[in-house]
Amino acid sequence: MLHEIIADNDRLLVPHVIKGVVQLDAAVEHRSRASGSTVMTPSIDLDSLIWPRSQPGPAFDTPLAEIVDFLVEVGKALDFDRNTHLQSTC
């Protein structure tokens, strides 16, 4: 799982995956307005989220047919009647 409880204060640590690298530092604290619980996330350097124009993006060499096939499967997985995770959100 990509989350864990920080035991000392019962804060939920939510790691981020940026360019394939998991970031686990608990640098920024967020408080839920609904529940009052605390969530910790890494601080993010926004410049680290983009690729320079001199480098191709991560999926530039992926064939269009493969992308379409992937999106078809995502659509099937998001079928409300068959997806118990979606149903539990209501």
PDB file of N, CA and C in Angstrom:
ATOM      1  N   MET A   1       0.847  -1.193   0.000  1.00  0.00           N
ATOM      2  CA  MET A   1       0.000   0.000   0.000  1.00  0.00           C
ATOM      3  C   MET A   1       0.878   1.237   0.000  1.00  0.00           C
ATOM      4  N   LEU A   2       0.414   2.265  -0.665  1.00  0.00           N
ATOM      5  CA  LEU A   2       1.177   3.497  -0.701  1.00  0.00           C
ATOM      6  C   LEU A   2       0.688   4.499   0.336  1.00  0.00           C
ATOM      7  N   HIS A   3       0.288   4.010   1.478  1.00  0.00           N
ATOM      8  CA  HIS A   3      -0.005   4.928   2.582  1.00  0.00           C
ATOM      9  C   HIS A   3       0.293   4.212   3.888  1.00  0.00           C
ATOM     10  N   GLU A   4       0.537   4.948   4.877  1.00  0.00           N
ATOM     11  CA  GLU A   4       0.798   4.384   6.191  1.00  0.00           C
ATOM     12  C   GLU A   4       0.398   5.411   7.235  1.00  0.00           C
ATOM     13  N   ILE A   5       0.171   4.931   8.469  1.00  0.00           N
ATOM     14  CA  ILE A   5      -0.171   5.842   9.553  1.00  0.00           C
ATOM     15  C   ILE A   5       1.114   6.276  10.245  1.00  0.00           C
ATOM     16  N   ILE A   6       1.266   7.562  10.445  1.00  0.00           N
ATOM     17  CA  ILE A   6       2.358   8.056  11.267  1.00  0.00           C
ATOM     18  C   ILE A   6       1.872   7.916  12.707  1.00  0.00           C
ATOM     19  N   ALA A   7       2.459   6.996  13.434  1.00  0.00           N
ATOM     20  CA  ALA A   7       1.926   6.559  14.719  1.00  0.00           C
ATOM     21  C   ALA A   7       1.892   7.651  15.786  1.00  0.00           C
ATOM     22  N   ASP A   8       2.819   8.571  15.774  1.00  0.00           N
ATOM     23  CA  ASP A   8       2.893   9.513  16.879  1.00  0.00           C
ATOM     24  C   ASP A   8       1.678  10.428  16.983  1.00  0.00           C
ATOM     25  N   ASN A   9       1.099  10.826  15.884  1.00  0.00           N
ATOM     26  CA  ASN A   9      -0.045  11.741  15.940  1.00  0.00           C
ATOM     27  C   ASN A   9      -1.259  11.231  15.182  1.00  0.00           C
ATOM     28  N   ASP A  10      -1.256   9.965  14.792  1.00  0.00           N
ATOM     29  CA  ASP A  10      -2.351   9.397  14.000  1.00  0.00           C
ATOM     30  C   ASP A  10      -2.651  10.232  12.765  1.00  0.00           C
ATOM     31  N   ARG A  11      -1.600  10.650  12.116  1.00  0.00           N
ATOM     32  CA  ARG A  11      -1.749  11.397  10.869  1.00  0.00           C
ATOM     33  C   ARG A  11      -1.554  10.428   9.714  1.00  0.00           C
ATOM     34  N   LEU A  12      -2.334  10.575   8.681  1.00  0.00           N
ATOM     35  CA  LEU A  12      -2.232   9.715   7.508  1.00  0.00           C
ATOM     36  C   LEU A  12      -1.202  10.289   6.558  1.00  0.00           C
ATOM     37  N   LEU A  13      -0.209   9.485   6.217  1.00  0.00           N
ATOM     38  CA  LEU A  13       0.802   9.901   5.257  1.00  0.00           C
ATOM     39  C   LEU A  13       0.371   9.449   3.875  1.00  0.00           C
ATOM     40  N   VAL A  14       0.262  10.374   2.943  1.00  0.00           N
ATOM     41  CA  VAL A  14      -0.122  10.064   1.576  1.00  0.00           C
ATOM     42  C   VAL A  14       1.084  10.340   0.675  1.00  0.00           C
ATOM     43  N   PRO A  15       1.797   9.284   0.284  1.00  0.00           N
ATOM     44  CA  PRO A  15       2.953   9.501  -0.589  1.00  0.00           C
ATOM     45  C   PRO A  15       2.526   9.901  -1.984  1.00  0.00           C
ATOM     46  N   HIS A  16       3.436  10.502  -2.710  1.00  0.00           N
ATOM     47  CA  HIS A  16       3.203  10.875  -4.107  1.00  0.00           C
ATOM     48  C   HIS A  16       4.188  10.102  -4.968  1.00  0.00           C
ATOM     49  N   VAL A  17       3.770   9.754  -6.167  1.00  0.00           N
ATOM     50  CA  VAL A  17       4.662   9.131  -7.137  1.00  0.00           C
ATOM     51  C   VAL A  17       4.880  10.143  -8.247  1.00  0.00           C
ATOM     52  N   ILE A  18       6.108  10.614  -8.377  1.00  0.00           N
ATOM     53  CA  ILE A  18       6.444  11.633  -9.371  1.00  0.00           C
ATOM     54  C   ILE A  18       7.517  11.071 -10.280  1.00  0.00           C
ATOM     55  N   LYS A  19       7.154  10.941 -11.541  1.00  0.00           N
ATOM     56  CA  LYS A  19       8.065  10.394 -12.553  1.00  0.00           C
ATOM     57  C   LYS A  19       8.610   9.031 -12.122  1.00  0.00           C
ATOM     58  N   GLY A  20       7.740   8.221 -11.519  1.00  0.00           N
ATOM     59  CA  GLY A  20       8.114   6.866 -11.133  1.00  0.00           C
ATOM     60  C   GLY A  20       8.840   6.746  -9.818  1.00  0.00           C
ATOM     61  N   VAL A  21       9.020   7.841  -9.100  1.00  0.00           N
ATOM     62  CA  VAL A  21       9.735   7.818  -7.829  1.00  0.00           C
ATOM     63  C   VAL A  21       8.743   8.094  -6.698  1.00  0.00           C
ATOM     64  N   VAL A  22       8.693   7.203  -5.712  1.00  0.00           N
ATOM     65  CA  VAL A  22       7.793   7.379  -4.576  1.00  0.00           C
ATOM     66  C   VAL A  22       8.415   8.366  -3.593  1.00  0.00           C
ATOM     67  N   GLN A  23       7.649   9.388  -3.230  1.00  0.00           N
ATOM     68  CA  GLN A  23       8.093  10.372  -2.255  1.00  0.00           C
ATOM     69  C   GLN A  23       7.293  10.176  -0.980  1.00  0.00           C
ATOM     70  N   LEU A  24       7.982   9.884   0.112  1.00  0.00           N
ATOM     71  CA  LEU A  24       7.321   9.537   1.368  1.00  0.00           C
ATOM     72  C   LEU A  24       7.451  10.597   2.458  1.00  0.00           C
ATOM     73  N   ASP A  25       8.139  11.677   2.213  1.00  0.00           N
ATOM     74  CA  ASP A  25       8.340  12.649   3.289  1.00  0.00           C
ATOM     75  C   ASP A  25       7.027  13.335   3.658  1.00  0.00           C
ATOM     76  N   ALA A  26       6.829  13.540   4.930  1.00  0.00           N
ATOM     77  CA  ALA A  26       5.606  14.167   5.430  1.00  0.00           C
ATOM     78  C   ALA A  26       5.900  15.637   5.712  1.00  0.00           C
ATOM     79  N   ALA A  27       5.944  16.438   4.680  1.00  0.00           N
ATOM     80  CA  ALA A  27       6.373  17.829   4.822  1.00  0.00           C
ATOM     81  C   ALA A  27       5.215  18.822   4.929  1.00  0.00           C
ATOM     82  N   VAL A  28       4.073  18.486   4.348  1.00  0.00           N
ATOM     83  CA  VAL A  28       2.959  19.444   4.314  1.00  0.00           C
ATOM     84  C   VAL A  28       1.757  18.816   5.017  1.00  0.00           C
ATOM     85  N   GLU A  29       1.178  19.565   5.936  1.00  0.00           N
ATOM     86  CA  GLU A  29       0.031  19.069   6.695  1.00  0.00           C
ATOM     87  C   GLU A  29      -1.259  19.661   6.140  1.00  0.00           C
ATOM     88  N   HIS A  30      -2.246  18.797   5.935  1.00  0.00           N
ATOM     89  CA  HIS A  30      -3.572  19.216   5.473  1.00  0.00           C
ATOM     90  C   HIS A  30      -4.592  18.711   6.489  1.00  0.00           C
ATOM     91  N   ARG A  31      -5.591  19.504   6.785  1.00  0.00           N
ATOM     92  CA  ARG A  31      -6.633  19.081   7.718  1.00  0.00           C
ATOM     93  C   ARG A  31      -7.959  18.994   6.974  1.00  0.00           C
ATOM     94  N   SER A  32      -8.640  17.863   7.153  1.00  0.00           N
ATOM     95  CA  SER A  32      -9.932  17.653   6.514  1.00  0.00           C
ATOM     96  C   SER A  32     -10.976  18.548   7.166  1.00  0.00           C
ATOM     97  N   ARG A  33     -11.698  19.298   6.339  1.00  0.00           N
ATOM     98  CA  ARG A  33     -12.781  20.124   6.881  1.00  0.00           C
ATOM     99  C   ARG A  33     -13.948  19.262   7.337  1.00  0.00           C
ATOM    100  N   ALA A  34     -14.118  18.099   6.695  1.00  0.00           N
ATOM    101  CA  ALA A  34     -15.253  17.238   7.021  1.00  0.00           C
ATOM    102  C   ALA A  34     -15.026  16.454   8.309  1.00  0.00           C
ATOM    103  N   SER A  35     -13.847  15.829   8.441  1.00  0.00           N
ATOM    104  CA  SER A  35     -13.623  14.947   9.585  1.00  0.00           C
ATOM    105  C   SER A  35     -12.653  15.499  10.610  1.00  0.00           C
ATOM    106  N   GLY A  36     -11.892  16.527  10.242  1.00  0.00           N
ATOM    107  CA  GLY A  36     -10.897  17.069  11.155  1.00  0.00           C
ATOM    108  C   GLY A  36      -9.615  16.260  11.208  1.00  0.00           C
ATOM    109  N   SER A  37      -9.540  15.176  10.447  1.00  0.00           N
ATOM    110  CA  SER A  37      -8.336  14.350  10.446  1.00  0.00           C
ATOM    111  C   SER A  37      -7.201  15.068   9.716  1.00  0.00           C
ATOM    112  N   THR A  38      -5.989  14.639  10.014  1.00  0.00           N
ATOM    113  CA  THR A  38      -4.807  15.264   9.437  1.00  0.00           C
ATOM    114  C   THR A  38      -4.190  14.337   8.397  1.00  0.00           C
ATOM    115  N   VAL A  39      -3.846  14.911   7.258  1.00  0.00           N
ATOM    116  CA  VAL A  39      -3.187  14.178   6.177  1.00  0.00           C
ATOM    117  C   VAL A  39      -1.871  14.877   5.895  1.00  0.00           C
ATOM    118  N   MET A  40      -0.808  14.096   5.777  1.00  0.00           N
ATOM    119  CA  MET A  40       0.514  14.643   5.491  1.00  0.00           C
ATOM    120  C   MET A  40       0.917  14.243   4.077  1.00  0.00           C
ATOM    121  N   THR A  41       1.491  15.183   3.319  1.00  0.00           N
ATOM    122  CA  THR A  41       1.965  14.896   1.968  1.00  0.00           C
ATOM    123  C   THR A  41       3.362  15.479   1.789  1.00  0.00           C
ATOM    124  N   PRO A  42       4.084  14.979   0.803  1.00  0.00           N
ATOM    125  CA  PRO A  42       5.380  15.584   0.504  1.00  0.00           C
ATOM    126  C   PRO A  42       5.177  16.990  -0.061  1.00  0.00           C
ATOM    127  N   SER A  43       6.167  17.841   0.116  1.00  0.00           N
ATOM    128  CA  SER A  43       6.103  19.114  -0.587  1.00  0.00           C
ATOM    129  C   SER A  43       6.509  18.829  -2.031  1.00  0.00           C
ATOM    130  N   ILE A  44       5.915  19.530  -2.952  1.00  0.00           N
ATOM    131  CA  ILE A  44       6.144  19.237  -4.365  1.00  0.00           C
ATOM    132  C   ILE A  44       6.760  20.448  -5.045  1.00  0.00           C
ATOM    133  N   ASP A  45       7.859  20.203  -5.719  1.00  0.00           N
ATOM    134  CA  ASP A  45       8.456  21.214  -6.581  1.00  0.00           C
ATOM    135  C   ASP A  45       7.716  21.119  -7.913  1.00  0.00           C
ATOM    136  N   LEU A  46       6.893  22.097  -8.238  1.00  0.00           N
ATOM    137  CA  LEU A  46       6.064  22.010  -9.441  1.00  0.00           C
ATOM    138  C   LEU A  46       6.889  21.853 -10.713  1.00  0.00           C
ATOM    139  N   ASP A  47       8.076  22.402 -10.733  1.00  0.00           N
ATOM    140  CA  ASP A  47       8.929  22.246 -11.908  1.00  0.00           C
ATOM    141  C   ASP A  47       9.333  20.790 -12.122  1.00  0.00           C
ATOM    142  N   SER A  48       9.338  19.992 -11.057  1.00  0.00           N
ATOM    143  CA  SER A  48       9.721  18.580 -11.192  1.00  0.00           C
ATOM    144  C   SER A  48       8.622  17.747 -11.859  1.00  0.00           C
ATOM    145  N   LEU A  49       7.426  18.315 -12.012  1.00  0.00           N
ATOM    146  CA  LEU A  49       6.310  17.570 -12.590  1.00  0.00           C
ATOM    147  C   LEU A  49       6.295  17.581 -14.116  1.00  0.00           C
ATOM    148  N   ILE A  50       7.112  18.406 -14.717  1.00  0.00           N
ATOM    149  CA  ILE A  50       7.093  18.523 -16.172  1.00  0.00           C
ATOM    150  C   ILE A  50       8.424  18.070 -16.765  1.00  0.00           C
ATOM    151  N   TRP A  51       8.372  17.696 -18.018  1.00  0.00           N
ATOM    152  CA  TRP A  51       9.575  17.335 -18.750  1.00  0.00           C
ATOM    153  C   TRP A  51      10.014  18.548 -19.565  1.00  0.00           C
ATOM    154  N   PRO A  52      11.307  18.748 -19.685  1.00  0.00           N
ATOM    155  CA  PRO A  52      11.776  19.849 -20.535  1.00  0.00           C
ATOM    156  C   PRO A  52      11.396  19.596 -21.992  1.00  0.00           C
ATOM    157  N   ARG A  53      11.219  20.644 -22.747  1.00  0.00           N
ATOM    158  CA  ARG A  53      10.861  20.494 -24.164  1.00  0.00           C
ATOM    159  C   ARG A  53      11.927  19.751 -24.947  1.00  0.00           C
ATOM    160  N   SER A  54      13.134  19.719 -24.421  1.00  0.00           N
ATOM    161  CA  SER A  54      14.226  19.021 -25.114  1.00  0.00           C
ATOM    162  C   SER A  54      14.130  17.502 -24.964  1.00  0.00           C
ATOM    163  N   GLN A  55      13.235  17.015 -24.092  1.00  0.00           N
ATOM    164  CA  GLN A  55      13.048  15.577 -23.881  1.00  0.00           C
ATOM    165  C   GLN A  55      11.641  15.174 -24.288  1.00  0.00           C
ATOM    166  N   PRO A  56      11.497  13.993 -24.903  1.00  0.00           N
ATOM    167  CA  PRO A  56      10.139  13.532 -25.220  1.00  0.00           C
ATOM    168  C   PRO A  56       9.386  13.174 -23.938  1.00  0.00           C
ATOM    169  N   GLY A  57       8.083  13.319 -23.964  1.00  0.00           N
ATOM    170  CA  GLY A  57       7.268  12.950 -22.817  1.00  0.00           C
ATOM    171  C   GLY A  57       7.290  11.446 -22.591  1.00  0.00           C
ATOM    172  N   PRO A  58       6.769  10.989 -21.456  1.00  0.00           N
ATOM    173  CA  PRO A  58       6.901   9.580 -21.086  1.00  0.00           C
ATOM    174  C   PRO A  58       6.116   8.612 -21.966  1.00  0.00           C
ATOM    175  N   ALA A  59       5.116   9.072 -22.677  1.00  0.00           N
ATOM    176  CA  ALA A  59       4.311   8.150 -23.485  1.00  0.00           C
ATOM    177  C   ALA A  59       4.357   8.499 -24.973  1.00  0.00           C
ATOM    178  N   PHE A  60       5.307   9.301 -25.380  1.00  0.00           N
ATOM    179  CA  PHE A  60       5.352   9.745 -26.774  1.00  0.00           C
ATOM    180  C   PHE A  60       5.542   8.600 -27.762  1.00  0.00           C
ATOM    181  N   ASP A  61       6.180   7.522 -27.336  1.00  0.00           N
ATOM    182  CA  ASP A  61       6.416   6.414 -28.259  1.00  0.00           C
ATOM    183  C   ASP A  61       5.364   5.304 -28.133  1.00  0.00           C
ATOM    184  N   THR A  62       4.305   5.555 -27.337  1.00  0.00           N
ATOM    185  CA  THR A  62       3.229   4.571 -27.192  1.00  0.00           C
ATOM    186  C   THR A  62       2.296   4.653 -28.399  1.00  0.00           C
ATOM    187  N   PRO A  63       2.081   3.521 -29.072  1.00  0.00           N
ATOM    188  CA  PRO A  63       1.185   3.544 -30.243  1.00  0.00           C
ATOM    189  C   PRO A  63      -0.232   3.953 -29.860  1.00  0.00           C
ATOM    190  N   LEU A  64      -0.883   4.698 -30.737  1.00  0.00           N
ATOM    191  CA  LEU A  64      -2.237   5.180 -30.478  1.00  0.00           C
ATOM    192  C   LEU A  64      -3.201   4.025 -30.214  1.00  0.00           C
ATOM    193  N   ALA A  65      -3.059   2.926 -30.931  1.00  0.00           N
ATOM    194  CA  ALA A  65      -3.945   1.773 -30.737  1.00  0.00           C
ATOM    195  C   ALA A  65      -3.831   1.226 -29.314  1.00  0.00           C
ATOM    196  N   GLU A  66      -2.620   1.239 -28.768  1.00  0.00           N
ATOM    197  CA  GLU A  66      -2.417   0.762 -27.393  1.00  0.00           C
ATOM    198  C   GLU A  66      -3.091   1.695 -26.391  1.00  0.00           C
ATOM    199  N   ILE A  67      -3.042   2.982 -26.651  1.00  0.00           N
ATOM    200  CA  ILE A  67      -3.697   3.959 -25.776  1.00  0.00           C
ATOM    201  C   ILE A  67      -5.211   3.766 -25.825  1.00  0.00           C
ATOM    202  N   VAL A  68      -5.755   3.577 -27.016  1.00  0.00           N
ATOM    203  CA  VAL A  68      -7.200   3.362 -27.162  1.00  0.00           C
ATOM    204  C   VAL A  68      -7.611   2.080 -26.450  1.00  0.00           C
ATOM    205  N   ASP A  69      -6.841   0.998 -26.618  1.00  0.00           N
ATOM    206  CA  ASP A  69      -7.146  -0.264 -25.935  1.00  0.00           C
ATOM    207  C   ASP A  69      -7.161  -0.073 -24.419  1.00  0.00           C
ATOM    208  N   PHE A  70      -6.181   0.668 -23.918  1.00  0.00           N
ATOM    209  CA  PHE A  70      -6.112   0.932 -22.482  1.00  0.00           C
ATOM    210  C   PHE A  70      -7.356   1.692 -22.018  1.00  0.00           C
ATOM    211  N   LEU A  71      -7.752   2.720 -22.763  1.00  0.00           N
ATOM    212  CA  LEU A  71      -8.921   3.510 -22.379  1.00  0.00           C
ATOM    213  C   LEU A  71     -10.212   2.704 -22.441  1.00  0.00           C
ATOM    214  N   VAL A  72     -10.293   1.778 -23.381  1.00  0.00           N
ATOM    215  CA  VAL A  72     -11.469   0.881 -23.449  1.00  0.00           C
ATOM    216  C   VAL A  72     -11.542   0.046 -22.174  1.00  0.00           C
ATOM    217  N   GLU A  73     -10.404  -0.494 -21.727  1.00  0.00           N
ATOM    218  CA  GLU A  73     -10.378  -1.306 -20.504  1.00  0.00           C
ATOM    219  C   GLU A  73     -10.694  -0.466 -19.273  1.00  0.00           C
ATOM    220  N   VAL A  74     -10.219   0.781 -19.243  1.00  0.00           N
ATOM    221  CA  VAL A  74     -10.552   1.682 -18.130  1.00  0.00           C
ATOM    222  C   VAL A  74     -12.053   1.917 -18.098  1.00  0.00           C
ATOM    223  N   GLY A  75     -12.647   2.134 -19.262  1.00  0.00           N
ATOM    224  CA  GLY A  75     -14.093   2.328 -19.337  1.00  0.00           C
ATOM    225  C   GLY A  75     -14.852   1.129 -18.802  1.00  0.00           C
ATOM    226  N   LYS A  76     -14.401  -0.073 -19.124  1.00  0.00           N
ATOM    227  CA  LYS A  76     -15.046  -1.290 -18.607  1.00  0.00           C
ATOM    228  C   LYS A  76     -14.911  -1.360 -17.090  1.00  0.00           C
ATOM    229  N   ALA A  77     -13.727  -1.018 -16.582  1.00  0.00           N
ATOM    230  CA  ALA A  77     -13.491  -1.079 -15.138  1.00  0.00           C
ATOM    231  C   ALA A  77     -14.331  -0.056 -14.383  1.00  0.00           C
ATOM    232  N   LEU A  78     -14.727   1.017 -15.049  1.00  0.00           N
ATOM    233  CA  LEU A  78     -15.530   2.057 -14.409  1.00  0.00           C
ATOM    234  C   LEU A  78     -17.034   1.845 -14.569  1.00  0.00           C
ATOM    235  N   ASP A  79     -17.431   0.646 -14.984  1.00  0.00           N
ATOM    236  CA  ASP A  79     -18.853   0.311 -15.081  1.00  0.00           C
ATOM    237  C   ASP A  79     -19.426   0.230 -13.665  1.00  0.00           C
ATOM    238  N   PHE A  80     -20.301   1.139 -13.326  1.00  0.00           N
ATOM    239  CA  PHE A  80     -20.824   1.254 -11.968  1.00  0.00           C
ATOM    240  C   PHE A  80     -21.471  -0.039 -11.489  1.00  0.00           C
ATOM    241  N   ASP A  81     -22.209  -0.710 -12.346  1.00  0.00           N
ATOM    242  CA  ASP A  81     -22.934  -1.916 -11.929  1.00  0.00           C
ATOM    243  C   ASP A  81     -22.001  -3.073 -11.581  1.00  0.00           C
ATOM    244  N   ARG A  82     -20.778  -3.069 -12.108  1.00  0.00           N
ATOM    245  CA  ARG A  82     -19.841  -4.169 -11.855  1.00  0.00           C
ATOM    246  C   ARG A  82     -18.694  -3.782 -10.924  1.00  0.00           C
ATOM    247  N   ASN A  83     -18.566  -2.510 -10.600  1.00  0.00           N
ATOM    248  CA  ASN A  83     -17.429  -2.044  -9.809  1.00  0.00           C
ATOM    249  C   ASN A  83     -17.868  -1.759  -8.368  1.00  0.00           C
ATOM    250  N   THR A  84     -17.511  -2.669  -7.466  1.00  0.00           N
ATOM    251  CA  THR A  84     -17.931  -2.517  -6.071  1.00  0.00           C
ATOM    252  C   THR A  84     -17.299  -1.296  -5.398  1.00  0.00           C
ATOM    253  N   HIS A  85     -16.108  -0.895  -5.850  1.00  0.00           N
ATOM    254  CA  HIS A  85     -15.467   0.282  -5.273  1.00  0.00           C
ATOM    255  C   HIS A  85     -16.257   1.550  -5.610  1.00  0.00           C
ATOM    256  N   LEU A  86     -16.702   1.663  -6.844  1.00  0.00           N
ATOM    257  CA  LEU A  86     -17.532   2.817  -7.217  1.00  0.00           C
ATOM    258  C   LEU A  86     -18.854   2.791  -6.465  1.00  0.00           C
ATOM    259  N   GLN A  87     -19.450   1.617  -6.327  1.00  0.00           N
ATOM    260  CA  GLN A  87     -20.724   1.508  -5.632  1.00  0.00           C
ATOM    261  C   GLN A  87     -20.609   1.912  -4.171  1.00  0.00           C
ATOM    262  N   SER A  88     -19.463   1.633  -3.563  1.00  0.00           N
ATOM    263  CA  SER A  88     -19.296   1.955  -2.131  1.00  0.00           C
ATOM    264  C   SER A  88     -19.126   3.450  -1.899  1.00  0.00           C
ATOM    265  N   THR A  89     -18.926   4.231  -2.950  1.00  0.00           N
ATOM    266  CA  THR A  89     -18.755   5.671  -2.761  1.00  0.00           C
ATOM    267  C   THR A  89     -20.081   6.403  -2.628  1.00  0.00           C
ATOM    268  N   CYS A  90     -21.165   5.731  -2.911  1.00  0.00           N
ATOM    269  CA  CYS A  90     -22.486   6.382  -2.830  1.00  0.00           C
ATOM    270  C   CYS A  90     -23.084   6.300  -1.459  1.00  0.00           C
TER     271      CYS A  90
END
